[in-house]
Amino acid sequence: AGAAAEARFISSAKGKGLFATKNIRKGETVFVERPVVSSQFLWNALYNYRACDHCLRALETAEENAQRLLGKSSLVLPHPEQCSIRKDLHQQCPRCQVTYCSAECRQAALEQYHQVLCLGQSRDDPTHPLNKLQEAWRNMHYPPETSSIMLMARMVATIKQAKDKEWWIKAFSQFCSKTANEEEEIVHKLLGDKFKGQLELLRLLFTEALYDEYLSRWFTPEGFQSLFALVGTNGQGIGTSSLSQWVHACDALDLPMLQREELDAFIDQLYKDIEKESGEFLNCEGSGLYVLQSCCNHSCIPNAETSFPENNFLLHLTALEDIEAGEEICISYLDCCQRERSRHSRNKILRENYLFTCSCPKCLAQADDADVTSDEEEEGEGETDDAELEDEMTDV
């Protein structure tokens, strides 16, 4: 594509970065990218966050979505015509009944990986190797979810099905790979204290479900750990929601002032009620591997951000500032709250989750600040770890 950005090698320490190939205006879309592979999180799917099995488009209408999140089936949303969900287009796999948002997605999944992963009649059979693998993963990786073993399963299935296997192996090898001790740290982060035993159990189940001679290296202890670390470091969280789509559409309506105020008040109250009932778990969530997005380095003062405005896995990178040709395009791996914290706290999060220390202009300007966190941050330190891990991959 005549893209506005390209990946370039910076240094062996930093790896690749993404650079503007022309001047980009604030608010402009730098690129729209589809993932090489993606997958919904397993607990998210289990709890009835219904999403297209291929592109993660939310499948419930906005009203059904709100009713489920509220636990209130009588709720009626105004302006139902603003809901973008087209149930008449939904299709299921005739063999295993997983649902897709369209014939195109069903076909794309079948052509890329679904022939290998289709459970057919065994969909509810707990002894099927793929079901055993998913159950083991759910028992190790509780919400808030940051990754899925099925992302790795889809990588293997994609190569198994491919005519040009080398092309896909090359596509996957573009993602940043780490040294063994860094990989170990990432796996540790995802699996916690018992990670060695858990990793070995997952590897055995993964092998039973998916072994392929051509990819035998991925099934060795070292190869499996590398695959795991690749997904852990490069996985980009994806979030979709038919309710938020409906809200955006309602925001854009041209209404008389009184009606506008009523609608805004209704929406505000709705979100408050949902938060009481469902906490922060509002979206269909999963993760994907994006070639260009994964080249974006972090900055505590990012000039671009990612989002999923099409209610599916298509990632939009949007400029937050004017960016000049030749300038590096950076996103933030931290959420807004984390970005406001001291340099010391920001780097603690980045080191733990991404294994680097930031040297963006903001961090350099604060380099002489005392290496201590302020009192109120100290109080928050204890409870931030889980939240940080969650933000690491599910910022939407």
Protein backbone atom coordinates (compact mmCIF):
# COMPACT_ATOMS: atom_id res chain seq x y z
CA ALA A 1 0.00 0.00 0.00
CA GLY A 2 1.14 3.58 -0.54
CA ALA A 3 1.42 3.60 3.22
CA ALA A 4 2.22 6.72 5.22
CA ALA A 5 4.62 4.67 7.35
CA GLU A 6 7.30 2.00 7.00
CA ALA A 7 9.26 -0.20 9.38
CA ARG A 8 13.00 0.44 9.63
CA PHE A 9 15.76 -1.22 11.62
CA ILE A 10 17.06 1.13 14.34
CA SER A 11 19.67 -0.83 16.31
CA SER A 12 20.18 -4.28 17.75
CA ALA A 13 19.17 -2.92 21.17
CA LYS A 14 15.95 -1.27 19.97
CA GLY A 15 15.17 -3.49 17.00
CA LYS A 16 12.71 -2.02 14.51
CA GLY A 17 10.75 1.20 14.60
CA LEU A 18 7.96 2.67 12.49
CA PHE A 19 8.67 5.89 10.58
CA ALA A 20 6.49 8.34 8.67
CA THR A 21 7.16 8.33 4.92
CA LYS A 22 5.26 11.62 4.44
CA ASN A 23 3.86 14.43 6.55
CA ILE A 24 0.88 13.23 8.58
CA ARG A 25 -1.69 15.61 10.09
CA LYS A 26 -3.02 15.30 13.62
CA GLY A 27 -6.20 13.16 13.57
CA GLU A 28 -5.24 11.44 10.31
CA THR A 29 -5.31 7.65 10.03
CA VAL A 30 -1.72 6.50 9.50
CA PHE A 31 -2.83 3.01 8.46
CA VAL A 32 -5.51 0.38 8.91
CA GLU A 33 -4.10 -3.11 9.48
CA ARG A 34 -5.56 -6.58 9.66
CA PRO A 35 -3.83 -9.11 11.91
CA VAL A 36 -1.84 -12.04 10.56
CA VAL A 37 -3.77 -14.10 13.10
CA SER A 38 -6.10 -13.28 15.99
CA SER A 39 -8.30 -15.02 18.54
CA GLN A 40 -10.89 -14.18 21.17
CA PHE A 41 -9.87 -14.76 24.80
CA LEU A 42 -11.19 -18.03 26.21
CA TRP A 43 -12.88 -16.78 29.40
CA ASN A 44 -14.36 -13.91 27.42
CA ALA A 45 -15.99 -16.41 25.03
CA LEU A 46 -17.07 -18.69 27.88
CA TYR A 47 -18.91 -15.80 29.57
CA ASN A 48 -21.04 -15.27 26.46
CA TYR A 49 -19.28 -12.26 25.01
CA ARG A 50 -20.43 -13.32 21.56
CA ALA A 51 -17.98 -12.41 18.81
CA CYS A 52 -17.28 -13.52 15.25
CA ASP A 53 -14.88 -16.46 15.53
CA HIS A 54 -12.68 -14.90 12.87
CA CYS A 55 -12.74 -11.08 13.06
CA LEU A 56 -14.06 -10.64 16.63
CA ARG A 57 -16.95 -8.42 15.49
CA ALA A 58 -19.51 -8.33 18.30
CA LEU A 59 -22.54 -10.46 17.33
CA GLU A 60 -25.15 -9.25 19.83
CA THR A 61 -27.30 -6.25 19.04
CA ALA A 62 -26.50 -3.20 21.17
CA GLU A 63 -29.71 -3.83 23.13
CA GLU A 64 -28.87 -7.51 23.81
CA ASN A 65 -25.35 -6.44 24.75
CA ALA A 66 -26.67 -3.88 27.28
CA GLN A 67 -29.26 -6.32 28.66
CA ARG A 68 -26.62 -8.98 29.30
CA LEU A 69 -24.12 -6.60 30.88
CA LEU A 70 -26.88 -5.19 33.11
CA GLY A 71 -28.45 -8.55 33.89
CA LYS A 72 -31.78 -6.98 32.91
CA SER A 73 -33.71 -8.42 29.98
CA SER A 74 -36.40 -5.73 30.05
CA LEU A 75 -34.05 -2.88 29.07
CA VAL A 76 -35.04 -1.07 25.86
CA LEU A 77 -32.53 1.15 24.04
CA PRO A 78 -33.79 4.24 22.21
CA HIS A 79 -32.76 4.76 18.56
CA PRO A 80 -32.44 1.01 17.79
CA GLU A 81 -31.80 1.97 14.14
CA GLN A 82 -28.33 3.18 15.24
CA CYS A 83 -27.24 -0.39 16.01
CA SER A 84 -24.87 -1.69 13.31
CA ILE A 85 -25.31 -5.44 13.91
CA ARG A 86 -26.71 -7.40 10.94
CA LYS A 87 -27.93 -10.74 12.23
CA ASP A 88 -29.25 -11.72 8.80
CA LEU A 89 -25.61 -11.98 7.65
CA HIS A 90 -24.41 -14.23 10.49
CA GLN A 91 -23.34 -17.76 9.57
CA GLN A 92 -22.23 -20.85 11.46
CA CYS A 93 -19.69 -23.50 10.59
CA PRO A 94 -22.00 -26.37 9.55
CA ARG A 95 -19.75 -28.90 11.32
CA CYS A 96 -18.93 -27.31 14.70
CA GLN A 97 -21.45 -24.44 14.89
CA VAL A 98 -19.01 -21.63 15.77
CA THR A 99 -20.53 -18.36 14.58
CA TYR A 100 -19.21 -15.83 12.09
CA CYS A 101 -20.47 -12.32 11.32
CA SER A 102 -20.57 -13.03 7.57
CA ALA A 103 -19.98 -15.55 4.79
CA GLU A 104 -16.67 -13.76 4.08
CA CYS A 105 -15.35 -14.44 7.59
CA ARG A 106 -16.51 -18.06 7.57
CA GLN A 107 -14.69 -18.57 4.27
CA ALA A 108 -11.54 -16.71 5.38
CA ALA A 109 -11.31 -18.79 8.58
CA LEU A 110 -11.84 -22.02 6.65
CA GLU A 111 -9.14 -21.14 4.14
CA GLN A 112 -6.59 -20.03 6.75
CA TYR A 113 -6.88 -22.32 9.83
CA HIS A 114 -10.36 -23.65 10.62
CA GLN A 115 -10.08 -26.95 8.72
CA VAL A 116 -7.41 -28.02 11.22
CA LEU A 117 -9.17 -26.60 14.30
CA CYS A 118 -12.82 -27.46 13.55
CA LEU A 119 -14.07 -29.67 16.39
CA GLY A 120 -17.03 -31.01 14.43
CA GLN A 121 -19.22 -33.25 16.61
CA SER A 122 -16.61 -33.11 19.44
CA ARG A 123 -17.34 -29.50 20.24
CA ASP A 124 -18.58 -30.35 23.74
CA ASP A 125 -16.38 -33.42 24.30
CA PRO A 126 -14.04 -32.60 27.23
CA THR A 127 -11.61 -35.37 26.21
CA HIS A 128 -10.90 -33.88 22.76
CA PRO A 129 -7.23 -32.72 22.72
CA LEU A 130 -8.14 -29.14 21.72
CA ASN A 131 -10.74 -28.89 24.47
CA LYS A 132 -8.25 -30.25 27.00
CA LEU A 133 -5.74 -27.61 25.87
CA GLN A 134 -8.29 -24.80 26.25
CA GLU A 135 -9.47 -26.02 29.64
CA ALA A 136 -5.86 -26.20 30.91
CA TRP A 137 -5.22 -22.66 29.65
CA ARG A 138 -8.35 -21.29 31.36
CA ASN A 139 -7.24 -22.89 34.63
CA MET A 140 -3.88 -21.08 34.40
CA HIS A 141 -4.84 -17.73 32.98
CA TYR A 142 -7.78 -16.10 34.74
CA PRO A 143 -9.36 -12.74 33.84
CA PRO A 144 -8.26 -10.05 33.27
CA GLU A 145 -6.95 -11.94 30.24
CA THR A 146 -3.92 -10.81 28.28
CA SER A 147 -3.29 -13.69 25.91
CA SER A 148 -4.68 -16.92 24.52
CA ILE A 149 -3.19 -20.30 23.75
CA MET A 150 -5.56 -20.35 20.76
CA LEU A 151 -3.56 -17.58 19.10
CA MET A 152 -0.66 -20.05 19.01
CA ALA A 153 -2.96 -22.86 17.89
CA ARG A 154 -4.13 -20.72 14.97
CA MET A 155 -0.52 -19.99 14.01
CA VAL A 156 0.20 -23.72 13.84
CA ALA A 157 -3.06 -24.49 12.02
CA THR A 158 -2.37 -21.71 9.50
CA ILE A 159 0.98 -23.23 8.58
CA LYS A 160 -0.46 -26.76 8.54
CA GLN A 161 -3.10 -25.66 6.02
CA ALA A 162 -0.88 -23.42 3.92
CA LYS A 163 0.34 -24.35 0.46
CA ASP A 164 3.27 -21.95 0.88
CA LYS A 165 4.36 -22.83 4.41
CA GLU A 166 7.62 -20.87 4.18
CA TRP A 167 5.72 -17.63 3.45
CA TRP A 168 3.80 -17.96 6.72
CA ILE A 169 6.84 -18.96 8.76
CA LYS A 170 8.53 -15.83 7.42
CA ALA A 171 5.45 -13.75 8.30
CA PHE A 172 5.57 -14.99 11.89
CA SER A 173 9.35 -14.58 12.13
CA GLN A 174 8.98 -10.81 11.56
CA PHE A 175 7.78 -10.48 15.14
CA CYS A 176 10.35 -9.47 17.70
CA SER A 177 12.02 -12.51 19.23
CA LYS A 178 13.79 -12.47 22.58
CA THR A 179 16.75 -14.19 24.20
CA ALA A 180 16.05 -17.25 26.34
CA ASN A 181 16.23 -15.43 29.68
CA GLU A 182 13.91 -12.67 28.43
CA GLU A 183 11.51 -15.29 27.09
CA GLU A 184 11.52 -16.96 30.46
CA GLU A 185 10.58 -13.67 32.12
CA ILE A 186 7.67 -13.10 29.74
CA VAL A 187 6.36 -16.65 30.19
CA HIS A 188 6.73 -16.21 33.93
CA LYS A 189 4.67 -13.02 33.72
CA LEU A 190 1.86 -14.81 31.86
CA LEU A 191 1.82 -18.03 33.89
CA GLY A 192 3.01 -16.96 37.34
CA ASP A 193 4.91 -18.94 39.95
CA LYS A 194 4.29 -22.44 38.68
CA PHE A 195 5.30 -21.47 35.17
CA LYS A 196 7.81 -24.25 34.44
CA GLY A 197 5.38 -27.04 35.31
CA GLN A 198 2.49 -25.27 33.64
CA LEU A 199 4.46 -24.55 30.49
CA GLU A 200 5.42 -28.21 30.22
CA LEU A 201 1.80 -29.33 30.69
CA LEU A 202 0.65 -26.85 28.01
CA ARG A 203 3.39 -28.02 25.66
CA LEU A 204 2.33 -31.66 26.02
CA LEU A 205 -1.35 -30.81 25.43
CA PHE A 206 -0.40 -28.49 22.54
CA THR A 207 1.64 -31.33 21.02
CA GLU A 208 -1.17 -33.85 21.45
CA ALA A 209 -3.64 -31.49 19.77
CA LEU A 210 -1.55 -30.01 16.99
CA TYR A 211 1.83 -31.70 16.40
CA ASP A 212 3.24 -31.15 12.93
CA GLU A 213 6.50 -32.61 11.64
CA TYR A 214 7.22 -29.51 9.56
CA LEU A 215 7.04 -27.33 12.68
CA SER A 216 8.68 -29.79 15.05
CA ARG A 217 10.90 -27.02 16.50
CA TRP A 218 7.83 -25.17 17.85
CA PHE A 219 6.95 -28.24 19.92
CA THR A 220 10.34 -28.58 21.67
CA PRO A 221 10.58 -26.99 25.16
CA GLU A 222 12.75 -24.13 23.79
CA GLY A 223 10.68 -23.61 20.66
CA PHE A 224 7.42 -23.63 22.60
CA GLN A 225 8.76 -21.09 25.09
CA SER A 226 9.83 -18.85 22.17
CA LEU A 227 6.39 -19.13 20.57
CA PHE A 228 4.81 -18.26 23.91
CA ALA A 229 7.09 -15.25 24.37
CA LEU A 230 6.39 -14.06 20.82
CA VAL A 231 2.67 -14.00 21.53
CA GLY A 232 3.25 -12.49 24.99
CA THR A 233 5.37 -9.61 23.69
CA ASN A 234 3.68 -8.86 20.37
CA GLY A 235 0.05 -9.68 21.06
CA GLN A 236 -2.08 -6.54 20.68
CA GLY A 237 -5.33 -6.51 22.63
CA ILE A 238 -8.49 -6.20 20.52
CA GLY A 239 -11.79 -5.00 21.94
CA THR A 240 -15.14 -4.80 20.18
CA SER A 241 -18.57 -3.77 21.41
CA SER A 242 -21.89 -3.29 19.67
CA LEU A 243 -23.00 -1.09 22.57
CA SER A 244 -20.11 1.36 22.15
CA GLN A 245 -20.77 1.40 18.38
CA TRP A 246 -24.37 2.35 19.13
CA VAL A 247 -23.22 5.06 21.56
CA HIS A 248 -20.87 6.57 18.94
CA ALA A 249 -23.70 6.56 16.40
CA CYS A 250 -26.03 8.23 18.93
CA ASP A 251 -23.38 10.87 19.71
CA ALA A 252 -23.34 11.78 16.04
CA LEU A 253 -27.12 12.27 15.82
CA ASP A 254 -28.32 15.80 15.17
CA LEU A 255 -30.99 16.20 17.87
CA PRO A 256 -32.91 19.11 19.41
CA MET A 257 -31.20 20.24 22.62
CA LEU A 258 -33.67 18.73 25.07
CA GLN A 259 -33.61 15.33 23.36
CA ARG A 260 -29.83 15.46 23.20
CA GLU A 261 -29.61 16.08 26.96
CA GLU A 262 -32.06 13.26 27.66
CA LEU A 263 -30.15 10.81 25.49
CA ASP A 264 -26.79 11.77 27.01
CA ALA A 265 -28.19 11.38 30.53
CA PHE A 266 -29.66 7.97 29.60
CA ILE A 267 -26.30 6.77 28.22
CA ASP A 268 -24.34 8.07 31.25
CA GLN A 269 -26.69 6.29 33.63
CA LEU A 270 -26.58 3.11 31.55
CA TYR A 271 -22.78 2.96 31.81
CA LYS A 272 -22.90 3.59 35.56
CA ASP A 273 -25.41 0.75 36.03
CA ILE A 274 -23.39 -1.59 33.83
CA GLU A 275 -20.22 -0.84 35.76
CA LYS A 276 -21.97 -1.86 39.00
CA GLU A 277 -23.08 -5.12 37.43
CA SER A 278 -20.15 -6.13 35.18
CA GLY A 279 -17.21 -4.03 36.33
CA GLU A 280 -14.81 -3.07 33.58
CA PHE A 281 -15.45 -6.14 31.41
CA LEU A 282 -17.56 -4.46 28.73
CA ASN A 283 -16.01 -5.65 25.49
CA CYS A 284 -15.56 -8.78 23.45
CA GLU A 285 -11.81 -9.15 23.91
CA GLY A 286 -9.03 -11.04 22.24
CA SER A 287 -5.59 -10.46 20.83
CA GLY A 288 -3.88 -10.50 17.47
CA LEU A 289 -0.47 -10.21 15.82
CA TYR A 290 -0.07 -7.11 13.65
CA VAL A 291 3.10 -6.76 11.56
CA LEU A 292 3.22 -2.94 11.34
CA GLN A 293 1.75 -2.16 14.74
CA SER A 294 4.27 -4.49 16.41
CA CYS A 295 7.07 -2.30 14.99
CA CYS A 296 5.77 0.74 16.89
CA ASN A 297 8.02 1.61 19.79
CA HIS A 298 6.76 3.04 23.06
CA SER A 299 6.87 6.65 24.15
CA CYS A 300 5.42 8.20 27.31
CA ILE A 301 4.37 11.09 25.05
CA PRO A 302 3.07 9.11 22.07
CA ASN A 303 2.30 10.77 18.73
CA ALA A 304 -0.14 8.04 17.65
CA GLU A 305 -2.67 5.63 19.15
CA THR A 306 -4.40 2.40 18.15
CA SER A 307 -8.15 1.77 18.17
CA PHE A 308 -10.78 -0.56 16.66
CA PRO A 309 -13.52 1.78 15.37
CA GLU A 310 -14.94 -0.77 12.90
CA ASN A 311 -16.07 -3.12 15.68
CA ASN A 312 -13.78 -5.89 14.41
CA PHE A 313 -10.10 -6.83 14.30
CA LEU A 314 -9.10 -4.02 11.90
CA LEU A 315 -6.60 -1.88 13.81
CA HIS A 316 -6.54 1.86 13.07
CA LEU A 317 -3.39 3.80 13.92
CA THR A 318 -4.28 7.48 14.29
CA ALA A 319 -1.93 10.47 14.64
CA LEU A 320 -2.27 12.35 17.96
CA GLU A 321 0.04 15.15 16.70
CA ASP A 322 1.33 16.40 13.36
CA ILE A 323 4.12 13.99 12.36
CA GLU A 324 6.79 14.98 9.84
CA ALA A 325 8.19 12.71 7.14
CA GLY A 326 11.10 10.74 8.58
CA GLU A 327 9.89 11.09 12.18
CA GLU A 328 9.42 7.95 14.29
CA ILE A 329 5.81 7.01 15.04
CA CYS A 330 5.38 5.92 18.67
CA ILE A 331 2.44 4.61 20.66
CA SER A 332 2.14 4.24 24.42
CA TYR A 333 2.20 0.79 26.01
CA LEU A 334 0.82 2.44 29.17
CA ASP A 335 -2.72 3.61 29.77
CA CYS A 336 -3.51 7.27 30.51
CA CYS A 337 -3.29 6.89 34.28
CA GLN A 338 0.04 5.07 34.12
CA ARG A 339 1.47 7.74 31.79
CA GLU A 340 0.84 10.44 34.41
CA ARG A 341 2.93 8.68 37.03
CA SER A 342 6.57 9.41 37.82
CA ARG A 343 9.36 8.33 35.49
CA HIS A 344 10.42 5.75 38.09
CA SER A 345 6.93 4.18 38.25
CA ARG A 346 6.49 4.22 34.46
CA ASN A 347 9.79 2.44 33.93
CA LYS A 348 9.01 -0.12 36.61
CA ILE A 349 5.88 -1.10 34.63
CA LEU A 350 7.74 -1.11 31.29
CA ARG A 351 10.63 -3.18 32.62
CA GLU A 352 8.33 -5.75 34.20
CA ASN A 353 6.00 -6.13 31.23
CA TYR A 354 8.14 -5.30 28.20
CA LEU A 355 11.74 -5.71 29.42
CA PHE A 356 13.06 -2.28 28.50
CA THR A 357 13.75 1.08 30.09
CA CYS A 358 12.22 4.04 28.28
CA SER A 359 14.39 6.88 26.95
CA CYS A 360 11.67 8.99 25.32
CA PRO A 361 11.98 12.80 25.57
CA LYS A 362 9.72 12.87 28.65
CA CYS A 363 11.84 10.27 30.48
CA LEU A 364 15.07 12.00 29.50
CA ALA A 365 13.72 15.35 30.74
CA GLN A 366 12.84 13.71 34.06
CA ALA A 367 16.11 11.77 34.31
CA ASP A 368 17.31 13.87 37.25
CA ASP A 369 14.09 13.38 39.22
CA ALA A 370 14.61 11.36 42.38
CA ASP A 371 14.23 7.64 41.80
CA VAL A 372 11.44 7.33 44.30
CA THR A 373 7.74 7.14 43.77
CA SER A 374 5.56 9.74 45.46
CA ASP A 375 3.56 8.74 48.54
CA GLU A 376 0.25 8.33 46.80
CA GLU A 377 1.96 6.17 44.20
CA GLU A 378 3.52 3.99 46.89
CA GLU A 379 0.03 3.31 48.21
CA GLY A 380 -1.12 2.29 44.77
CA GLU A 381 1.95 0.21 43.97
CA GLY A 382 0.66 -2.95 45.62
CA GLU A 383 -2.52 -3.30 43.66
CA THR A 384 -1.32 -2.17 40.28
CA ASP A 385 0.34 -5.30 38.96
CA ASP A 386 -2.77 -7.07 37.71
CA ALA A 387 -4.19 -3.89 36.29
CA GLU A 388 -0.94 -3.20 34.49
CA LEU A 389 -0.87 -6.62 32.94
CA GLU A 390 -4.40 -6.15 31.78
CA ASP A 391 -3.65 -2.77 30.19
CA GLU A 392 -0.62 -4.25 28.56
CA MET A 393 -2.78 -5.93 25.99
CA THR A 394 -6.38 -4.87 26.18
CA ASP A 395 -6.22 -1.12 25.77
CA VAL A 396 -9.04 -0.31 23.39
